[in-house]
Protein backbone atom coordinates (compact mmCIF):
# COMPACT_ATOMS: atom_id res chain seq x y z
CA MET A 1 -47.10 7.26 98.67
CA SER A 2 -43.78 7.46 96.80
CA ASN A 3 -45.05 10.48 94.86
CA GLN A 4 -44.92 12.45 98.11
CA LEU A 5 -41.17 11.92 98.40
CA PRO A 6 -38.86 14.73 97.30
CA GLU A 7 -36.93 14.02 94.13
CA VAL A 8 -33.33 12.91 94.40
CA ARG A 9 -31.72 14.85 91.58
CA LEU A 10 -29.16 13.28 89.29
CA PHE A 11 -27.02 16.43 89.15
CA GLN A 12 -27.34 19.76 90.94
CA PRO A 13 -24.95 22.73 91.09
CA LEU A 14 -23.80 24.04 94.45
CA LEU A 15 -24.53 27.76 94.19
CA GLY A 16 -25.03 30.18 97.06
CA ASP A 17 -24.70 33.69 98.42
CA GLU A 18 -21.05 34.01 97.36
CA GLU A 19 -21.94 33.50 93.70
CA LEU A 20 -24.87 35.93 94.00
CA ALA A 21 -22.56 38.55 95.51
CA ALA A 22 -20.05 38.05 92.70
CA VAL A 23 -22.76 38.47 90.05
CA LYS A 24 -24.07 41.58 91.83
CA ALA A 25 -20.57 43.07 91.78
CA ALA A 26 -20.49 42.57 88.01
CA PHE A 27 -23.90 44.25 87.79
CA ASP A 28 -22.66 47.14 89.89
CA ARG A 29 -19.69 47.62 87.56
CA SER A 30 -22.16 47.65 84.63
CA TRP A 31 -19.78 45.48 82.63
CA VAL A 32 -21.24 42.06 82.00
CA GLY A 33 -19.65 41.05 78.67
CA LEU A 34 -16.09 39.97 77.92
CA GLY A 35 -14.13 41.94 80.51
CA GLY A 36 -11.95 42.04 83.56
CA GLU A 37 -13.68 39.17 85.36
CA VAL A 38 -12.89 36.86 82.45
CA SER A 39 -9.25 37.95 82.53
CA ALA A 40 -9.09 37.43 86.31
CA PHE A 41 -10.72 34.00 86.03
CA GLU A 42 -8.26 32.98 83.33
CA LYS A 43 -5.33 34.05 85.53
CA GLU A 44 -6.66 32.15 88.54
CA PHE A 45 -7.22 29.09 86.36
CA GLU A 46 -3.65 29.32 85.08
CA ASP A 47 -2.36 29.50 88.63
CA TYR A 48 -4.50 26.58 89.82
CA PHE A 49 -3.25 24.35 87.04
CA GLY A 50 0.28 25.71 86.78
CA ALA A 51 -0.41 26.39 83.10
CA ALA A 52 1.29 28.99 80.93
CA ALA A 53 -2.03 30.35 79.68
CA ALA A 54 -5.79 29.84 79.84
CA LEU A 55 -8.60 30.97 77.58
CA GLY A 56 -12.20 31.34 78.75
CA VAL A 57 -14.94 30.41 76.27
CA ASN A 58 -18.69 29.90 76.33
CA SER A 59 -18.66 26.08 76.54
CA GLY A 60 -16.48 23.03 76.78
CA THR A 61 -17.63 22.20 73.26
CA ALA A 62 -16.16 25.49 72.00
CA ALA A 63 -12.93 24.76 73.88
CA LEU A 64 -12.60 21.40 72.13
CA GLN A 65 -13.30 22.89 68.71
CA LEU A 66 -10.70 25.64 69.16
CA ALA A 67 -8.18 23.18 70.58
CA VAL A 68 -8.38 21.00 67.47
CA GLU A 69 -8.34 24.06 65.20
CA ALA A 70 -5.24 25.45 66.92
CA PHE A 71 -2.96 22.95 65.20
CA GLY A 72 -4.10 23.68 61.64
CA PHE A 73 -4.26 20.05 60.60
CA PRO A 74 -4.77 19.43 56.88
CA GLU A 75 -8.33 18.56 55.91
CA GLY A 76 -9.06 14.83 55.92
CA LYS A 77 -6.46 13.82 58.49
CA LYS A 78 -7.52 11.46 61.29
CA VAL A 79 -8.02 11.98 65.02
CA LEU A 80 -8.41 9.17 67.55
CA VAL A 81 -11.27 9.62 70.03
CA ASN A 82 -13.03 7.54 72.69
CA ASP A 83 -16.13 5.81 71.35
CA LEU A 84 -17.82 5.89 74.76
CA THR A 85 -18.17 9.63 75.25
CA PHE A 86 -20.44 12.62 74.67
CA VAL A 87 -20.68 13.67 71.03
CA ALA A 88 -18.81 16.96 71.61
CA SER A 89 -15.58 14.98 72.03
CA ALA A 90 -15.88 14.08 68.35
CA THR A 91 -17.94 16.84 66.73
CA CYS A 92 -14.91 19.07 67.31
CA ILE A 93 -13.10 16.78 64.87
CA LEU A 94 -15.83 16.89 62.24
CA ILE A 95 -16.21 20.67 62.44
CA ASN A 96 -12.52 20.97 61.63
CA ARG A 97 -13.00 18.77 58.54
CA LEU A 98 -11.06 15.89 60.03
CA VAL A 99 -11.95 12.22 60.34
CA PRO A 100 -12.83 10.77 63.77
CA VAL A 101 -11.42 7.32 64.43
CA LEU A 102 -13.57 5.64 67.09
CA VAL A 103 -11.45 3.83 69.66
CA ASP A 104 -12.89 1.11 71.88
CA CYS A 105 -13.12 1.54 75.63
CA ASP A 106 -10.99 -0.22 78.18
CA PRO A 107 -13.31 -2.81 79.78
CA VAL A 108 -12.35 -1.76 83.32
CA THR A 109 -11.88 2.03 83.25
CA LEU A 110 -14.12 2.74 80.21
CA GLY A 111 -11.45 5.17 79.01
CA MET A 112 -9.58 4.88 75.72
CA ASP A 113 -8.19 1.41 75.06
CA LEU A 114 -4.63 2.14 73.95
CA ASP A 115 -4.24 -1.34 72.49
CA ASP A 116 -7.16 -0.62 70.17
CA ALA A 117 -5.71 2.80 69.43
CA ALA A 118 -2.49 1.09 68.37
CA ARG A 119 -4.45 -1.08 65.95
CA LYS A 120 -6.19 1.94 64.41
CA VAL A 121 -3.46 4.58 64.22
CA ASP A 122 -1.88 5.09 60.81
CA SER A 123 0.23 7.58 58.86
CA ASP A 124 -2.76 9.92 58.40
CA THR A 125 -3.43 10.17 62.14
CA VAL A 126 -2.42 13.53 63.60
CA ALA A 127 -3.98 13.74 67.07
CA MET A 128 -6.00 12.11 69.80
CA VAL A 129 -8.84 13.48 71.95
CA VAL A 130 -8.50 11.64 75.26
CA VAL A 131 -11.54 11.68 77.55
CA HIS A 132 -11.16 11.20 81.30
CA TYR A 133 -14.42 9.26 81.40
CA GLY A 134 -16.57 9.98 84.44
CA GLY A 135 -13.59 11.65 86.07
CA HIS A 136 -11.43 8.52 86.14
CA PRO A 137 -7.97 9.49 84.86
CA ALA A 138 -6.71 8.10 81.59
CA PRO A 139 -3.21 6.63 82.05
CA MET A 140 -1.55 9.79 80.80
CA ASP A 141 2.02 8.50 81.07
CA ARG A 142 1.10 5.74 78.61
CA VAL A 143 -0.99 8.12 76.50
CA MET A 144 1.89 10.57 76.11
CA GLU A 145 4.38 7.82 75.30
CA PHE A 146 1.98 6.50 72.66
CA ALA A 147 1.52 10.01 71.24
CA ARG A 148 5.27 10.65 71.06
CA ARG A 149 5.82 7.33 69.31
CA HIS A 150 3.26 8.20 66.63
CA ASP A 151 3.89 11.97 66.51
CA LEU A 152 0.38 12.87 67.66
CA LYS A 153 -0.96 15.97 69.39
CA VAL A 154 -2.93 15.24 72.57
CA ILE A 155 -6.10 17.10 73.51
CA GLU A 156 -7.42 16.21 76.96
CA ASP A 157 -11.19 16.33 77.31
CA CYS A 158 -11.47 17.24 81.00
CA ALA A 159 -15.21 17.88 81.13
CA HIS A 160 -15.59 15.20 83.83
CA CYS A 161 -12.46 15.54 85.94
CA ILE A 162 -11.82 19.11 87.04
CA GLY A 163 -9.53 19.15 90.05
CA GLY A 164 -8.34 15.61 89.46
CA ASP A 165 -4.77 14.47 88.98
CA TYR A 166 -2.76 11.53 87.76
CA GLN A 167 0.57 10.64 89.37
CA GLY A 168 0.45 13.96 91.20
CA ARG A 169 0.01 16.06 88.06
CA LYS A 170 -3.23 17.87 87.29
CA LEU A 171 -5.38 16.38 84.55
CA GLY A 172 -5.49 18.84 81.68
CA THR A 173 -1.76 19.62 81.91
CA TRP A 174 -0.38 16.37 80.48
CA GLY A 175 -1.41 16.88 76.86
CA ASP A 176 -0.85 19.77 74.47
CA VAL A 177 -4.19 21.34 75.44
CA GLY A 178 -6.65 20.66 78.25
CA CYS A 179 -10.35 21.50 77.72
CA PHE A 180 -12.83 22.00 80.56
CA SER A 181 -16.60 22.39 80.75
CA PHE A 182 -18.50 24.56 83.24
CA GLU A 183 -21.96 23.51 82.07
CA GLU A 184 -24.60 23.42 84.81
CA LYS A 185 -24.07 19.75 85.71
CA LYS A 186 -20.28 19.64 85.72
CA GLY A 187 -17.84 19.54 88.66
CA MET A 188 -17.92 23.34 88.86
CA THR A 189 -20.20 25.61 86.89
CA THR A 190 -20.59 29.04 85.38
CA GLY A 191 -24.07 28.15 84.08
CA ASP A 192 -22.45 27.45 80.74
CA GLY A 193 -18.82 27.98 79.92
CA GLY A 194 -15.49 26.38 79.26
CA MET A 195 -11.74 26.87 79.43
CA MET A 196 -8.64 25.87 77.51
CA VAL A 197 -5.26 25.53 79.25
CA SER A 198 -1.83 24.84 77.83
CA ALA A 199 1.86 24.99 78.62
CA ASP A 200 2.20 26.64 75.21
CA ARG A 201 1.29 30.31 75.71
CA GLU A 202 1.68 31.08 72.02
CA LEU A 203 -0.93 28.45 71.13
CA ILE A 204 -3.48 29.99 73.50
CA GLU A 205 -2.75 33.55 72.38
CA ARG A 206 -3.06 32.48 68.76
CA MET A 207 -6.59 31.26 69.48
CA ARG A 208 -7.66 34.33 71.47
CA PRO A 209 -9.10 36.20 68.45
CA HIS A 210 -10.79 33.00 67.29
CA ARG A 211 -13.05 33.07 70.36
CA TRP A 212 -14.00 36.74 69.64
CA VAL A 213 -15.14 36.74 65.97
CA GLY A 214 -11.55 37.11 64.80
CA ILE A 215 -11.01 40.56 66.32
CA ASP A 216 -7.39 41.23 67.17
CA LYS A 217 -8.15 43.15 70.39
CA ASP A 218 -11.25 42.82 72.50
CA THR A 219 -13.50 45.62 73.75
CA TRP A 220 -12.23 45.30 77.32
CA ARG A 221 -8.65 45.88 76.21
CA ARG A 222 -9.71 48.98 74.26
CA ARG A 223 -11.97 50.39 76.97
CA ASP A 224 -9.39 52.32 78.99
CA SER A 225 -8.34 54.41 76.02
CA TYR A 226 -11.85 55.65 75.19
CA THR A 227 -11.59 58.82 77.28
CA ASP A 228 -7.89 58.89 78.15
CA THR A 229 -7.03 62.59 78.11
CA GLY A 230 -3.35 61.74 77.95
CA ASP A 231 -3.85 60.03 74.63
CA LEU A 232 -5.78 61.95 71.99
CA ASP A 233 -5.40 59.22 69.39
CA THR A 234 -8.78 59.00 67.67
CA LYS A 235 -8.15 55.41 66.54
CA HIS A 236 -8.88 53.79 69.92
CA TRP A 237 -11.86 52.12 68.21
CA HIS A 238 -9.78 50.50 65.52
CA TYR A 239 -9.49 46.74 65.18
CA GLU A 240 -8.81 44.32 62.37
CA VAL A 241 -10.07 40.83 61.55
CA ALA A 242 -7.42 38.61 60.02
CA VAL A 243 -8.78 35.16 60.94
CA LEU A 244 -12.16 33.45 60.75
CA GLY A 245 -13.41 33.56 64.34
CA TYR A 246 -16.50 32.64 66.32
CA LYS A 247 -18.69 34.20 69.00
CA TYR A 248 -17.33 31.84 71.65
CA ASN A 249 -16.21 34.27 74.34
CA MET A 250 -16.99 33.88 78.02
CA ASN A 251 -18.67 36.86 79.71
CA ASP A 252 -18.09 38.56 83.06
CA LEU A 253 -21.27 37.20 84.62
CA ALA A 254 -20.15 33.64 84.00
CA ALA A 255 -16.57 34.38 85.04
CA SER A 256 -17.68 35.98 88.31
CA ILE A 257 -19.47 32.75 89.21
CA GLY A 258 -16.51 30.66 88.04
CA ARG A 259 -14.04 32.47 90.28
CA VAL A 260 -16.14 31.57 93.34
CA GLN A 261 -16.69 28.01 92.14
CA LEU A 262 -12.95 27.48 91.65
CA ARG A 263 -12.40 28.36 95.32
CA LYS A 264 -15.06 25.79 96.29
CA LEU A 265 -13.80 23.07 93.97
CA ALA A 266 -11.73 21.07 96.46
CA ALA A 267 -14.60 20.95 98.98
CA MET A 268 -17.13 19.97 96.29
CA ASN A 269 -14.92 17.12 95.10
CA GLU A 270 -14.45 15.93 98.69
CA THR A 271 -18.23 15.85 99.24
CA LYS A 272 -18.65 13.69 96.15
CA ARG A 273 -15.88 11.34 97.25
CA ARG A 274 -17.68 10.74 100.56
CA ALA A 275 -20.89 10.02 98.68
CA ILE A 276 -19.06 7.51 96.46
CA GLN A 277 -17.64 5.73 99.49
CA ARG A 278 -21.16 5.47 100.90
CA TYR A 279 -22.56 4.17 97.61
CA LEU A 280 -19.87 1.50 97.40
CA GLY A 281 -20.93 0.22 100.80
CA HIS A 282 -24.51 -0.24 99.61
CA LEU A 283 -23.43 -1.97 96.40
CA ARG A 284 -21.85 -4.79 98.38
CA ALA A 285 -25.42 -5.96 99.03
CA CYS A 286 -26.38 -5.83 95.33
CA PRO A 287 -25.08 -9.01 93.68
CA ASP A 288 -26.51 -8.16 90.24
CA MET A 289 -24.60 -4.90 89.80
CA VAL A 290 -21.04 -3.64 90.05
CA PRO A 291 -19.55 -0.13 90.21
CA LEU A 292 -19.28 1.50 86.81
CA LEU A 293 -15.62 2.44 87.29
CA PRO A 294 -12.71 1.38 89.52
CA TYR A 295 -13.49 4.30 91.83
CA GLU A 296 -10.62 5.59 93.96
CA ALA A 297 -12.97 6.98 96.57
CA ASP A 298 -10.22 8.37 98.79
CA ARG A 299 -8.98 10.66 96.04
CA GLY A 300 -9.88 11.82 92.56
CA ALA A 301 -12.46 14.18 91.08
CA TYR A 302 -15.34 12.11 89.78
CA TRP A 303 -18.19 13.71 87.87
CA LEU A 304 -20.52 10.76 87.91
CA PHE A 305 -21.25 7.66 89.93
CA GLY A 306 -22.77 4.71 88.17
CA VAL A 307 -23.24 0.99 88.05
CA ARG A 308 -23.24 -1.75 85.47
CA VAL A 309 -26.40 -3.84 85.56
CA ALA A 310 -27.91 -6.19 83.00
CA ASP A 311 -31.51 -5.17 83.75
CA ARG A 312 -30.88 -1.45 83.33
CA ASP A 313 -34.43 -0.57 82.32
CA GLY A 314 -35.83 -2.48 85.29
CA VAL A 315 -33.60 -0.55 87.68
CA ILE A 316 -34.54 2.75 86.03
CA ARG A 317 -38.25 1.97 86.49
CA HIS A 318 -37.70 0.83 90.08
CA LEU A 319 -35.88 4.04 91.00
CA LYS A 320 -38.26 6.27 89.05
CA GLN A 321 -41.15 4.92 91.10
CA ARG A 322 -39.23 6.13 94.16
CA ARG A 323 -38.56 9.57 92.63
CA ILE A 324 -34.85 8.90 92.17
CA SER A 325 -33.37 10.31 88.98
CA THR A 326 -31.06 8.27 86.77
CA GLY A 327 -29.25 8.69 83.47
CA VAL A 328 -27.14 6.86 80.90
CA HIS A 329 -23.70 8.29 80.11
CA TYR A 330 -23.35 7.63 77.28
CA MET A 331 -24.90 6.22 74.17
CA PRO A 332 -21.55 5.72 72.39
CA LEU A 333 -20.55 7.52 69.23
CA HIS A 334 -20.92 4.46 67.02
CA ALA A 335 -24.65 4.29 67.91
CA HIS A 336 -25.40 7.81 66.61
CA PRO A 337 -26.42 8.27 62.96
CA LEU A 338 -23.92 11.13 62.62
CA PHE A 339 -21.02 8.74 63.13
CA GLU A 340 -22.40 5.77 61.22
CA ARG A 341 -19.99 6.25 58.34
CA TYR A 342 -17.03 6.19 60.77
CA ASN A 343 -18.13 2.98 62.42
CA ALA A 344 -15.35 0.69 63.55
CA ALA A 345 -14.93 -2.45 65.63
CA VAL A 346 -15.64 -1.42 69.23
CA PRO A 347 -16.71 -4.68 70.92
CA ASN A 348 -16.15 -3.54 74.51
CA SER A 349 -18.10 -0.33 74.06
CA ALA A 350 -20.93 -2.14 72.24
CA ALA A 351 -21.23 -4.77 74.97
CA ILE A 352 -20.87 -2.54 78.01
CA TRP A 353 -22.90 0.57 77.25
CA PRO A 354 -26.33 -1.20 77.45
CA THR A 355 -25.49 -1.99 81.10
CA VAL A 356 -24.36 1.54 82.07
CA LEU A 357 -26.55 3.42 84.55
CA THR A 358 -25.76 6.76 86.19
CA LEU A 359 -26.96 7.42 89.75
CA PRO A 360 -27.25 10.78 91.55
CA LEU A 361 -23.94 12.45 92.41
CA HIS A 362 -23.35 16.12 93.12
CA ALA A 363 -21.99 18.39 95.84
CA ARG A 364 -25.46 18.99 97.35
CA LEU A 365 -26.20 15.30 97.73
CA THR A 366 -26.82 14.36 101.38
CA ASP A 367 -25.93 11.16 103.20
CA ALA A 368 -29.66 10.53 103.62
CA GLU A 369 -30.19 10.79 99.86
CA VAL A 370 -27.31 8.41 99.12
CA ASP A 371 -28.79 5.96 101.62
CA ARG A 372 -32.22 6.34 100.03
CA VAL A 373 -30.76 5.43 96.63
CA GLY A 374 -28.65 2.63 98.08
CA CYS A 375 -31.54 1.13 100.06
CA ALA A 376 -33.74 1.27 96.95
CA LEU A 377 -31.12 -0.74 95.06
CA VAL A 378 -30.79 -3.25 97.89
CA ASP A 379 -34.59 -3.57 98.29
CA ARG A 380 -34.85 -4.51 94.63
CA ASN A 381 -32.86 -7.64 95.39
CA ALA A 382 -34.72 -8.50 98.59
């Protein structure tokens, strides 16, 4: 009988006619690569965050890599990073020939434990990648004080928290660079995509050619001079490559979707907050599980909702039989073979992650679906 039930999806983007119209407009302009839509999206992102500059790229992973690269750290220097995070938070360190230092999670917020960071920082440490895990804000006042004391650059990994703030200030604007993901499952989407923001315009402009194979001026910026009869300079095609760059640019199709999604962001976050409040009500009848995070359900921009439960596999099977999707976010860095050589003492992360279970949360989730998940959890304890 349960097989006849519709699936409750773990994540699902909220896309509609407005996004389709925006994509069609890009089609009608016959310019779908790096162009004016990307520039407009960057400007709107700057304005939303009150940042000096923004740079659109093809993924949050690319944003993190370029953010670390922007500082030109000497090879072999160390960067602090959350152990309980997606691998992209740390592969950006490895790609830049730096050493990731895995920092334990705070047992309550699951963000970076600054006491453990203090034990692991040394004279070779140059930066920290701070993840706002699940959308719950890291204590950025304490993070920035810690960074100033140890002369560290701060890169905020904002893949989970777009639209969120801490002490009234947007997440992504506390550190030296904020990096965002627009992958399909994130708080807003462009299908795939990412963005860097900073109060340091020169830093962003310095990285602009790096996202476009090192070219010092992109095709869109050269386009208007192709047939300009007032300028008969035949060198409109000319460009130079002075830096080693990557094919990391965003395109106009993605940016056209992103501009619409940014306008919807506040409403999408509000929908998820209501779902979280509803979930928390159900969990009061589940004595064997607790909320994953100290959710502030009246505010915030949470990407995921989850629980901590000892019998995680049993709950997964129970929900799967009822066509309810689940996930685990995340298997921590220390558990991946890639990071085995960087292993460090992370007792909180090691103890907590086997209990972590992600439940459905997205802007299309209905009250009925939340209740279906919640009742399934309660029934398990009946």
